[in-house]
Amino acid sequence: MTSLYDAPAEDVIEALTETLQAQAAIEEPEWLQFTTTGVDRELPPEQEDFWSRRAASLLRKVAIDGPVGVGSLKAEYGSAKQGTTRYRVRPRNKSDGSGNIVRTILQQLEEAGYVEVAEGEGRTVTADGHSLLDETAADVLESLDDPALQRYA
């Protein structure tokens, strides 16, 4: 049986993005055109399918690392600060990603039945979420031409 660990992450996220868009389980909020993906960013995201792609990535991340909270996911989706430092002798600082984006997507995944709140621990993936991820990974492995990966399908 194929699991989400067997298929390449980029391909699983791409296929899961299409699945979530087809199911209409995730809806892009109106405020997305005005927000940034982190405190170190100046412009909103430019990808047309940013919301569903981030939702697919978050679902996979919660399945792998869960139970996980919003704070650790903010750190995961953050980036290096782009500030200028004189002579570049300071150590690099890390900036968190947007907590509102992460929290809203997790709430939408909860409404869709793919994620649930584990009391006092964070969020975990439900059985429906695991089956969706495993079916998507199996479909991805079937579509790949690499014979080394075909043994997992």
Protein backbone atom coordinates (compact mmCIF):
# COMPACT_ATOMS: atom_id res chain seq x y z
CA MET A 1 0.00 0.00 0.00
CA THR A 2 1.26 3.43 -0.93
CA SER A 3 1.62 6.17 1.65
CA LEU A 4 2.37 9.86 1.35
CA TYR A 5 6.01 9.19 2.24
CA ASP A 6 6.57 7.13 -0.92
CA ALA A 7 5.85 9.84 -3.51
CA PRO A 8 7.84 13.03 -4.17
CA ALA A 9 6.55 15.94 -2.09
CA GLU A 10 6.25 18.46 -4.94
CA ASP A 11 4.17 16.07 -7.05
CA VAL A 12 1.90 15.17 -4.14
CA ILE A 13 1.30 18.84 -3.32
CA GLU A 14 0.56 19.62 -6.98
CA ALA A 15 -1.95 16.77 -7.28
CA LEU A 16 -3.50 17.58 -3.91
CA THR A 17 -3.92 21.21 -5.00
CA GLU A 18 -5.96 20.08 -7.99
CA THR A 19 -8.02 17.75 -5.82
CA LEU A 20 -8.83 20.45 -3.27
CA GLN A 21 -9.80 22.85 -6.05
CA ALA A 22 -12.07 20.24 -7.65
CA GLN A 23 -13.77 19.45 -4.34
CA ALA A 24 -14.19 23.17 -3.53
CA ALA A 25 -13.30 22.30 0.07
CA ILE A 26 -11.04 25.33 0.39
CA GLU A 27 -12.23 28.83 -0.46
CA GLU A 28 -9.92 31.78 -0.92
CA PRO A 29 -10.93 34.66 1.38
CA GLU A 30 -11.55 38.15 0.08
CA TRP A 31 -8.77 39.66 2.20
CA LEU A 32 -6.05 37.58 0.52
CA GLN A 33 -5.42 40.24 -2.12
CA PHE A 34 -4.47 42.72 0.62
CA THR A 35 -2.35 40.56 2.92
CA THR A 36 1.23 39.34 2.81
CA THR A 37 2.59 35.89 3.55
CA GLY A 38 4.86 37.15 6.32
CA VAL A 39 6.02 40.22 8.19
CA ASP A 40 9.09 40.56 6.00
CA ARG A 41 7.08 40.68 2.75
CA GLU A 42 5.76 43.79 1.08
CA LEU A 43 3.39 42.41 -1.56
CA PRO A 44 0.61 39.81 -1.54
CA PRO A 45 1.23 36.40 -3.14
CA GLU A 46 1.26 36.39 -6.94
CA GLN A 47 0.29 32.77 -7.65
CA GLU A 48 -3.25 32.30 -8.88
CA ASP A 49 -3.72 29.10 -6.89
CA PHE A 50 -1.76 30.22 -3.82
CA TRP A 51 -4.51 29.45 -1.31
CA SER A 52 -5.18 25.89 -2.43
CA ARG A 53 -1.46 25.20 -2.88
CA ARG A 54 -0.72 26.39 0.67
CA ALA A 55 -3.65 24.31 1.95
CA ALA A 56 -2.25 21.20 0.26
CA SER A 57 1.18 21.91 1.68
CA LEU A 58 -0.24 22.48 5.17
CA LEU A 59 -2.25 19.25 5.03
CA ARG A 60 0.87 17.30 4.11
CA LYS A 61 2.94 19.10 6.77
CA VAL A 62 0.39 18.38 9.51
CA ALA A 63 0.26 14.72 8.45
CA ILE A 64 4.03 14.37 8.68
CA ASP A 65 4.74 16.48 11.78
CA GLY A 66 1.42 16.30 13.64
CA PRO A 67 0.24 17.08 16.21
CA VAL A 68 1.44 20.55 15.36
CA GLY A 69 0.35 24.05 16.34
CA VAL A 70 -0.01 27.31 14.45
CA GLY A 71 3.16 28.75 15.97
CA SER A 72 5.44 26.03 14.64
CA LEU A 73 3.75 26.19 11.24
CA LYS A 74 4.33 29.95 11.16
CA ALA A 75 8.02 29.30 11.74
CA GLU A 76 8.03 26.62 9.05
CA TYR A 77 6.55 28.94 6.41
CA GLY A 78 8.70 31.91 7.40
CA SER A 79 11.82 33.11 5.65
CA ALA A 80 15.11 34.91 6.20
CA LYS A 81 14.70 38.62 6.79
CA GLN A 82 15.68 40.76 3.84
CA GLY A 83 16.83 43.71 5.93
CA THR A 84 20.10 45.38 5.17
CA THR A 85 22.87 45.10 7.71
CA ARG A 86 25.98 47.17 7.59
CA TYR A 87 28.96 45.14 6.37
CA ARG A 88 26.90 41.96 6.67
CA VAL A 89 28.48 40.91 9.95
CA ARG A 90 25.30 40.27 11.90
CA PRO A 91 23.87 36.78 11.99
CA ARG A 92 20.81 36.15 9.87
CA ASN A 93 17.42 36.49 11.50
CA LYS A 94 14.40 34.41 10.70
CA SER A 95 10.96 35.88 10.19
CA ASP A 96 7.68 34.04 10.82
CA GLY A 97 5.06 33.48 8.17
CA SER A 98 1.52 34.80 8.40
CA GLY A 99 -0.39 33.25 11.28
CA ASN A 100 -3.74 34.38 9.88
CA ILE A 101 -3.18 32.48 6.63
CA VAL A 102 -2.11 29.32 8.46
CA ARG A 103 -4.94 29.52 11.00
CA THR A 104 -7.65 30.20 8.40
CA ILE A 105 -6.52 27.35 6.16
CA LEU A 106 -6.42 24.96 9.12
CA GLN A 107 -9.95 26.01 10.07
CA GLN A 108 -11.13 25.36 6.51
CA LEU A 109 -9.43 21.95 6.53
CA GLU A 110 -11.22 21.21 9.82
CA GLU A 111 -14.58 22.10 8.25
CA ALA A 112 -13.76 19.83 5.30
CA GLY A 113 -13.02 16.98 7.74
CA TYR A 114 -9.33 16.51 6.95
CA VAL A 115 -7.83 17.99 10.14
CA GLU A 116 -8.94 17.89 13.76
CA VAL A 117 -7.82 19.58 16.97
CA ALA A 118 -6.02 17.33 19.42
CA GLU A 119 -6.70 18.70 22.89
CA GLY A 120 -3.67 20.54 24.19
CA GLU A 121 -1.38 19.24 21.48
CA GLY A 122 -2.24 21.03 18.26
CA ARG A 123 -3.80 19.73 15.08
CA THR A 124 -3.65 16.26 13.57
CA VAL A 125 -4.91 14.72 10.35
CA THR A 126 -8.10 12.66 10.45
CA ALA A 127 -8.59 9.28 8.82
CA ASP A 128 -10.25 10.99 5.84
CA GLY A 129 -7.23 13.26 5.50
CA HIS A 130 -4.81 10.34 5.58
CA SER A 131 -6.82 8.43 2.99
CA LEU A 132 -6.90 11.51 0.73
CA LEU A 133 -3.12 11.90 1.03
CA ASP A 134 -2.46 8.20 0.44
CA GLU A 135 -4.78 8.02 -2.59
CA THR A 136 -3.15 11.13 -4.04
CA ALA A 137 0.32 9.67 -3.49
CA ALA A 138 -0.74 6.44 -5.18
CA ASP A 139 -2.08 8.38 -8.17
CA VAL A 140 1.15 10.36 -8.39
CA LEU A 141 3.28 7.22 -8.34
CA GLU A 142 1.18 5.64 -11.08
CA SER A 143 1.65 8.69 -13.28
CA LEU A 144 5.44 8.84 -12.82
CA ASP A 145 7.67 7.25 -15.42
CA ASP A 146 10.50 6.44 -13.02
CA PRO A 147 10.71 2.62 -12.67
CA ALA A 148 12.47 2.93 -9.29
CA LEU A 149 9.37 4.59 -7.83
CA GLN A 150 6.90 2.24 -9.52
CA ARG A 151 7.62 -0.52 -6.99
CA TYR A 152 5.75 1.46 -4.31
CA ALA A 153 2.57 1.78 -6.39
